[in-house]
């Protein structure tokens, strides 16, 4: 099935911000990346192609793609130097809404070492983790941690199995 035929829904301004990219399913995977790039509800990009493949390989038929920071940027070096608090708060509202009806969500952290490029991204991660705190999440990552101790970005690994992630290690 082609990406554009997968009934994917997007929330956000196509050019500047994307809060949510979602495909409904019976078994949902919540993915938290670092920042959205080119993917929309009609056009995939390399990261989304990998995410969809990883989800299927690991038994998921739907996904909710979220990000630490919703600013669209094809190169993470172009991310805001300082946090846009209004954009971040809006991101948290959308994330809370998306996970509100999911008990014990399967959450794949997939941002790689890009989190190190902007100090505010770690506080974004803490805020997002706190939204999941009462949901009994099952934290996962792709393969093993990077050398810097972060969950791998989907574009890097050559394998696609998920493994448990110790969230306390990241905090």
Foldseek 3Di string as FASTA:
>chain_A
DDQLPQPWAWDDDQQWFTQKIKGDDPAEEEEEAAEAERDHSRDDDVLVVLVCVLCVVAPHDMYIYGYLFGTYDNDLLPDDQDDPVVRLVVSLVVLLVVCVPAAQHAYEYAYAPSCVNHVCSLVSVVSSVVSCVVRNYFYKAADAADPVRHGHHSVPDPDRHIDGDDVVSSD
